[in-house]
Amino acid sequence: MKERELRESAVCGLCGKKIGENRAITFFRITLERFILDIAAIQRQTGLGMMLEGNGYLAQVMGPDEDLAKSFDDPIQITVCESCSIDHPLIWLVLEKVEKHLDEEEQKT
């Protein structure tokens, strides 16, 4: 992370303190994105799969490959200091899921 980027992420979005102020030198930068399902696109994809005798994979390959969910808002980035991450267990729950997913992907290879 370059200096400009670090300066942009220098304040915790939860407690408002500068990163490193509580002597912890680690922090998280989290990107949040909000999506909405495109029901019409999902119905088209499902219909194609049904026409191909229930073969969803074939429908995925032969279909238009359109987005089934669309970004609802612009992504938001928030910085969270180590202290706040301990106080807010949601961050650790998400990290556990990501780590578990990465371990599963590694085992497949």
C-alpha atoms as a PDB file:
ATOM      1  CA  MET A   1       0.000   0.000   0.000  1.00  0.00           C
ATOM      2  CA  LYS A   2       1.471   3.306  -1.088  1.00  0.00           C
ATOM      3  CA  GLU A   3       1.557   6.410   1.121  1.00  0.00           C
ATOM      4  CA  ARG A   4      -1.414   8.081  -0.592  1.00  0.00           C
ATOM      5  CA  GLU A   5      -3.512   4.943  -0.172  1.00  0.00           C
ATOM      6  CA  LEU A   6      -2.445   4.579   3.464  1.00  0.00           C
ATOM      7  CA  ARG A   7      -3.394   8.199   4.188  1.00  0.00           C
ATOM      8  CA  GLU A   8      -6.840   7.557   2.696  1.00  0.00           C
ATOM      9  CA  SER A   9      -7.234   4.551   5.021  1.00  0.00           C
ATOM     10  CA  ALA A  10      -5.644   6.180   8.074  1.00  0.00           C
ATOM     11  CA  VAL A  11      -8.766   6.462  10.241  1.00  0.00           C
ATOM     12  CA  CYS A  12     -10.876   3.590  11.588  1.00  0.00           C
ATOM     13  CA  GLY A  13     -14.411   3.757  10.234  1.00  0.00           C
ATOM     14  CA  LEU A  14     -15.846   2.418  13.499  1.00  0.00           C
ATOM     15  CA  CYS A  15     -14.074   4.241  16.339  1.00  0.00           C
ATOM     16  CA  GLY A  16     -12.721   7.235  14.405  1.00  0.00           C
ATOM     17  CA  LYS A  17      -9.178   6.858  15.777  1.00  0.00           C
ATOM     18  CA  LYS A  18      -6.081   6.937  13.595  1.00  0.00           C
ATOM     19  CA  ILE A  19      -4.611   3.563  12.717  1.00  0.00           C
ATOM     20  CA  GLY A  20      -1.746   2.848  15.124  1.00  0.00           C
ATOM     21  CA  GLU A  21      -3.076   5.223  17.794  1.00  0.00           C
ATOM     22  CA  ASN A  22      -3.812   2.277  20.090  1.00  0.00           C
ATOM     23  CA  ARG A  23      -0.373   0.774  19.328  1.00  0.00           C
ATOM     24  CA  ALA A  24      -1.813  -1.958  17.075  1.00  0.00           C
ATOM     25  CA  ILE A  25      -0.160  -1.762  13.675  1.00  0.00           C
ATOM     26  CA  THR A  26      -2.563  -4.053  11.841  1.00  0.00           C
ATOM     27  CA  PHE A  27      -5.886  -3.104  10.310  1.00  0.00           C
ATOM     28  CA  PHE A  28      -8.477  -4.278   7.810  1.00  0.00           C
ATOM     29  CA  ARG A  29      -9.706  -2.517   4.702  1.00  0.00           C
ATOM     30  CA  ILE A  30     -13.091  -3.946   3.851  1.00  0.00           C
ATOM     31  CA  THR A  31     -14.993  -3.413   0.611  1.00  0.00           C
ATOM     32  CA  LEU A  32     -18.769  -3.704   0.795  1.00  0.00           C
ATOM     33  CA  GLU A  33     -20.902  -4.180  -2.291  1.00  0.00           C
ATOM     34  CA  ARG A  34     -24.675  -4.379  -2.458  1.00  0.00           C
ATOM     35  CA  PHE A  35     -26.414  -6.356  -5.198  1.00  0.00           C
ATOM     36  CA  ILE A  36     -29.959  -6.916  -6.390  1.00  0.00           C
ATOM     37  CA  LEU A  37     -31.139 -10.054  -8.163  1.00  0.00           C
ATOM     38  CA  ASP A  38     -32.313  -9.632 -11.762  1.00  0.00           C
ATOM     39  CA  ILE A  39     -35.418 -11.835 -11.621  1.00  0.00           C
ATOM     40  CA  ALA A  40     -36.039 -11.633 -15.395  1.00  0.00           C
ATOM     41  CA  ALA A  41     -32.478 -12.787 -16.163  1.00  0.00           C
ATOM     42  CA  ILE A  42     -32.802 -15.625 -13.643  1.00  0.00           C
ATOM     43  CA  GLN A  43     -36.086 -16.709 -15.247  1.00  0.00           C
ATOM     44  CA  ARG A  44     -34.509 -16.656 -18.714  1.00  0.00           C
ATOM     45  CA  GLN A  45     -31.570 -18.751 -17.513  1.00  0.00           C
ATOM     46  CA  THR A  46     -33.871 -21.203 -15.723  1.00  0.00           C
ATOM     47  CA  GLY A  47     -36.121 -21.456 -18.782  1.00  0.00           C
ATOM     48  CA  LEU A  48     -33.166 -22.239 -21.027  1.00  0.00           C
ATOM     49  CA  GLY A  49     -32.057 -24.924 -18.594  1.00  0.00           C
ATOM     50  CA  MET A  50     -35.546 -26.439 -18.655  1.00  0.00           C
ATOM     51  CA  MET A  51     -35.573 -26.387 -22.463  1.00  0.00           C
ATOM     52  CA  LEU A  52     -32.294 -28.273 -22.414  1.00  0.00           C
ATOM     53  CA  GLU A  53     -33.876 -31.031 -20.312  1.00  0.00           C
ATOM     54  CA  GLY A  54     -32.768 -29.648 -16.973  1.00  0.00           C
ATOM     55  CA  ASN A  55     -29.110 -29.374 -17.907  1.00  0.00           C
ATOM     56  CA  GLY A  56     -28.151 -26.186 -16.030  1.00  0.00           C
ATOM     57  CA  TYR A  57     -24.497 -26.454 -16.990  1.00  0.00           C
ATOM     58  CA  LEU A  58     -25.300 -26.660 -20.680  1.00  0.00           C
ATOM     59  CA  ALA A  59     -27.643 -23.678 -20.313  1.00  0.00           C
ATOM     60  CA  GLN A  60     -24.832 -21.757 -18.630  1.00  0.00           C
ATOM     61  CA  VAL A  61     -22.464 -22.497 -21.515  1.00  0.00           C
ATOM     62  CA  MET A  62     -24.982 -21.906 -24.309  1.00  0.00           C
ATOM     63  CA  GLY A  63     -26.812 -18.973 -22.713  1.00  0.00           C
ATOM     64  CA  PRO A  64     -26.021 -15.281 -23.099  1.00  0.00           C
ATOM     65  CA  ASP A  65     -23.954 -15.259 -19.870  1.00  0.00           C
ATOM     66  CA  GLU A  66     -25.794 -12.200 -18.580  1.00  0.00           C
ATOM     67  CA  ASP A  67     -25.528 -10.876 -15.043  1.00  0.00           C
ATOM     68  CA  LEU A  68     -28.050 -12.518 -12.706  1.00  0.00           C
ATOM     69  CA  ALA A  69     -27.370  -9.932 -10.001  1.00  0.00           C
ATOM     70  CA  LYS A  70     -26.547  -6.296 -10.558  1.00  0.00           C
ATOM     71  CA  SER A  71     -24.642  -3.869  -8.399  1.00  0.00           C
ATOM     72  CA  PHE A  72     -27.129  -1.761  -6.463  1.00  0.00           C
ATOM     73  CA  ASP A  73     -24.752   0.904  -5.131  1.00  0.00           C
ATOM     74  CA  ASP A  74     -21.146   1.890  -5.612  1.00  0.00           C
ATOM     75  CA  PRO A  75     -18.723  -0.224  -3.541  1.00  0.00           C
ATOM     76  CA  ILE A  76     -17.856   1.262  -0.151  1.00  0.00           C
ATOM     77  CA  GLN A  77     -14.458   0.829   1.486  1.00  0.00           C
ATOM     78  CA  ILE A  78     -14.088   1.020   5.248  1.00  0.00           C
ATOM     79  CA  THR A  79     -10.958   0.762   7.372  1.00  0.00           C
ATOM     80  CA  VAL A  80     -11.242  -1.121  10.670  1.00  0.00           C
ATOM     81  CA  CYS A  81      -8.494  -1.050  13.292  1.00  0.00           C
ATOM     82  CA  GLU A  82      -7.410  -4.214  15.086  1.00  0.00           C
ATOM     83  CA  SER A  83      -9.087  -3.135  18.341  1.00  0.00           C
ATOM     84  CA  CYS A  84     -12.469  -2.619  16.694  1.00  0.00           C
ATOM     85  CA  SER A  85     -12.152  -5.902  14.826  1.00  0.00           C
ATOM     86  CA  ILE A  86     -11.887  -7.670  18.186  1.00  0.00           C
ATOM     87  CA  ASP A  87     -14.908  -5.784  19.532  1.00  0.00           C
ATOM     88  CA  HIS A  88     -16.994  -6.568  16.435  1.00  0.00           C
ATOM     89  CA  PRO A  89     -16.935 -10.351  15.842  1.00  0.00           C
ATOM     90  CA  LEU A  90     -18.692 -10.059  12.471  1.00  0.00           C
ATOM     91  CA  ILE A  91     -15.332  -9.317  10.839  1.00  0.00           C
ATOM     92  CA  TRP A  92     -13.843 -12.515  12.249  1.00  0.00           C
ATOM     93  CA  LEU A  93     -16.856 -14.560  11.149  1.00  0.00           C
ATOM     94  CA  VAL A  94     -16.384 -13.316   7.599  1.00  0.00           C
ATOM     95  CA  LEU A  95     -12.636 -14.013   7.733  1.00  0.00           C
ATOM     96  CA  GLU A  96     -13.282 -17.561   8.949  1.00  0.00           C
ATOM     97  CA  LYS A  97     -15.608 -18.169   5.992  1.00  0.00           C
ATOM     98  CA  VAL A  98     -13.045 -16.784   3.549  1.00  0.00           C
ATOM     99  CA  GLU A  99     -10.272 -18.899   5.062  1.00  0.00           C
ATOM    100  CA  LYS A 100     -12.450 -22.017   4.937  1.00  0.00           C
ATOM    101  CA  HIS A 101     -13.297 -21.318   1.293  1.00  0.00           C
ATOM    102  CA  LEU A 102      -9.620 -20.817   0.406  1.00  0.00           C
ATOM    103  CA  ASP A 103      -8.690 -24.073   2.164  1.00  0.00           C
ATOM    104  CA  GLU A 104     -11.386 -25.945   0.194  1.00  0.00           C
ATOM    105  CA  GLU A 105     -10.141 -24.462  -3.079  1.00  0.00           C
ATOM    106  CA  GLU A 106      -6.557 -25.420  -2.217  1.00  0.00           C
ATOM    107  CA  GLN A 107      -7.586 -29.003  -1.473  1.00  0.00           C
ATOM    108  CA  LYS A 108      -9.248 -29.270  -4.907  1.00  0.00           C
ATOM    109  CA  THR A 109      -5.950 -28.554  -6.657  1.00  0.00           C
END
